[in-house]
Amino acid sequence: VALETGPYLKARFASLAGHPLVGYADSFGLVAGLNLVRKKAARVHDCEPFDPALAVGMICRRHMFDNGMIMRAVGDRMIIAPPLVTSQEQIDEMIDKIRFCLDATLAELQARGLMG
């Protein structure tokens, strides 16, 4: 994990930071999380969060579960902790599913008029 899959997950997970919903994405070993934001900004701390009453994390979690991705929602922070035996191929599949579900979440939020 320390030499191969952890750094690989870090690099692949960081690529999610470019998504319009993601304020930032970070990881440590095989634990990773990203923050969902209403409006991105140049600096992470200047991103506009969603109203907590909207439960956007749970909307995203539903899309994750509906598409075979287990990702925990803690408010609007999405967290993964895959098994230590996870392969690079499985990490690739996981990142693809997360990106697909982020796109589905974004489409739902836009359709509901919740994006800035």
Protein backbone atom coordinates (compact mmCIF):
# COMPACT_ATOMS: atom_id res chain seq x y z
CA VAL A 1 0.00 0.00 0.00
CA ALA A 2 2.71 2.48 0.99
CA LEU A 3 4.76 1.98 -2.18
CA GLU A 4 2.25 1.12 -4.89
CA THR A 5 -1.50 1.31 -4.41
CA GLY A 6 -1.55 4.24 -1.96
CA PRO A 7 0.39 6.59 -4.26
CA TYR A 8 -1.59 5.30 -7.26
CA LEU A 9 -4.90 6.03 -5.52
CA LYS A 10 -3.61 9.47 -4.50
CA ALA A 11 -2.79 10.39 -8.11
CA ARG A 12 -6.01 8.98 -9.56
CA PHE A 13 -8.23 10.42 -6.81
CA ALA A 14 -6.64 13.86 -7.20
CA SER A 15 -7.89 13.89 -10.80
CA LEU A 16 -11.45 14.17 -9.42
CA ALA A 17 -10.66 17.69 -8.16
CA GLY A 18 -11.29 18.95 -11.70
CA HIS A 19 -14.96 17.97 -11.53
CA PRO A 20 -17.37 20.94 -11.21
CA LEU A 21 -18.84 19.55 -7.95
CA VAL A 22 -15.51 18.86 -6.22
CA GLY A 23 -13.95 21.56 -4.08
CA TYR A 24 -10.98 19.36 -3.29
CA ALA A 25 -9.99 15.71 -3.24
CA ASP A 26 -7.36 14.27 -0.96
CA SER A 27 -6.13 10.91 0.26
CA PHE A 28 -3.83 9.20 2.71
CA GLY A 29 -2.93 5.60 2.03
CA LEU A 30 -6.14 3.94 0.92
CA VAL A 31 -8.47 6.42 2.61
CA ALA A 32 -9.71 9.24 0.42
CA GLY A 33 -12.31 11.97 0.51
CA LEU A 34 -13.69 14.79 -1.56
CA ASN A 35 -15.86 17.78 -0.74
CA LEU A 36 -18.93 18.60 -2.79
CA VAL A 37 -19.37 22.32 -3.41
CA ARG A 38 -22.03 24.48 -5.03
CA LYS A 39 -19.50 26.78 -6.65
CA LYS A 40 -15.78 26.25 -7.09
CA ALA A 41 -13.20 28.97 -6.46
CA ALA A 42 -9.49 29.40 -7.10
CA ARG A 43 -8.80 28.78 -3.41
CA VAL A 44 -10.37 25.78 -1.71
CA HIS A 45 -11.51 27.78 1.29
CA ASP A 46 -13.35 30.23 -0.98
CA CYS A 47 -15.59 27.55 -2.52
CA GLU A 48 -19.31 28.05 -1.93
CA PRO A 49 -20.80 25.12 0.02
CA PHE A 50 -24.30 23.76 -0.41
CA ASP A 51 -26.97 24.52 2.15
CA PRO A 52 -26.69 21.55 4.56
CA ALA A 53 -30.48 21.16 4.46
CA LEU A 54 -30.19 20.03 0.82
CA ALA A 55 -28.25 16.90 1.89
CA VAL A 56 -26.26 16.90 -1.36
CA GLY A 57 -23.93 14.26 0.06
CA MET A 58 -26.86 11.88 0.39
CA ILE A 59 -27.97 12.63 -3.17
CA CYS A 60 -24.48 11.76 -4.36
CA ARG A 61 -24.39 8.67 -2.12
CA ARG A 62 -27.62 7.42 -3.72
CA HIS A 63 -26.06 7.72 -7.17
CA MET A 64 -22.97 5.89 -5.89
CA PHE A 65 -24.95 3.02 -4.39
CA ASP A 66 -27.24 2.79 -7.45
CA ASN A 67 -24.13 2.31 -9.61
CA GLY A 68 -22.25 -0.21 -7.50
CA MET A 69 -19.91 2.20 -5.72
CA ILE A 70 -19.78 2.16 -1.93
CA MET A 71 -18.92 5.69 -0.83
CA ARG A 72 -19.82 7.17 2.53
CA ALA A 73 -21.39 10.62 2.83
CA VAL A 74 -20.43 12.68 5.87
CA GLY A 75 -22.36 15.86 5.22
CA ASP A 76 -21.14 16.93 1.79
CA ARG A 77 -17.84 15.07 2.14
CA MET A 78 -17.65 11.76 0.29
CA ILE A 79 -15.26 9.15 1.71
CA ILE A 80 -13.87 5.83 0.53
CA ALA A 81 -11.70 3.28 2.31
CA PRO A 82 -11.15 0.31 -0.01
CA PRO A 83 -9.56 -2.93 1.22
CA LEU A 84 -5.78 -3.04 1.53
CA VAL A 85 -5.68 -5.71 -1.19
CA THR A 86 -7.20 -3.35 -3.79
CA SER A 87 -5.40 -3.49 -7.15
CA GLN A 88 -4.57 -0.65 -9.51
CA GLU A 89 -7.17 -1.99 -11.94
CA GLN A 90 -9.80 -1.83 -9.19
CA ILE A 91 -8.73 1.73 -8.36
CA ASP A 92 -9.19 2.66 -12.02
CA GLU A 93 -12.67 1.13 -12.01
CA MET A 94 -13.50 2.92 -8.76
CA ILE A 95 -12.42 6.33 -10.09
CA ASP A 96 -14.45 5.78 -13.27
CA LYS A 97 -17.55 4.94 -11.20
CA ILE A 98 -17.03 7.91 -8.90
CA ARG A 99 -16.69 10.27 -11.87
CA PHE A 100 -19.84 8.79 -13.47
CA CYS A 101 -21.77 9.26 -10.21
CA LEU A 102 -20.49 12.81 -9.76
CA ASP A 103 -21.76 13.55 -13.28
CA ALA A 104 -25.15 12.03 -12.40
CA THR A 105 -25.30 14.06 -9.19
CA LEU A 106 -24.43 17.25 -11.07
CA ALA A 107 -27.13 16.55 -13.67
CA GLU A 108 -29.72 16.01 -10.93
CA LEU A 109 -28.70 19.17 -9.07
CA GLN A 110 -28.84 21.22 -12.28
CA ALA A 111 -32.26 19.79 -13.15
CA ARG A 112 -33.48 20.79 -9.67
CA GLY A 113 -32.00 24.30 -10.04
CA LEU A 114 -29.55 23.87 -7.16
CA MET A 115 -26.32 24.83 -8.90
CA GLY A 116 -24.84 28.35 -8.92
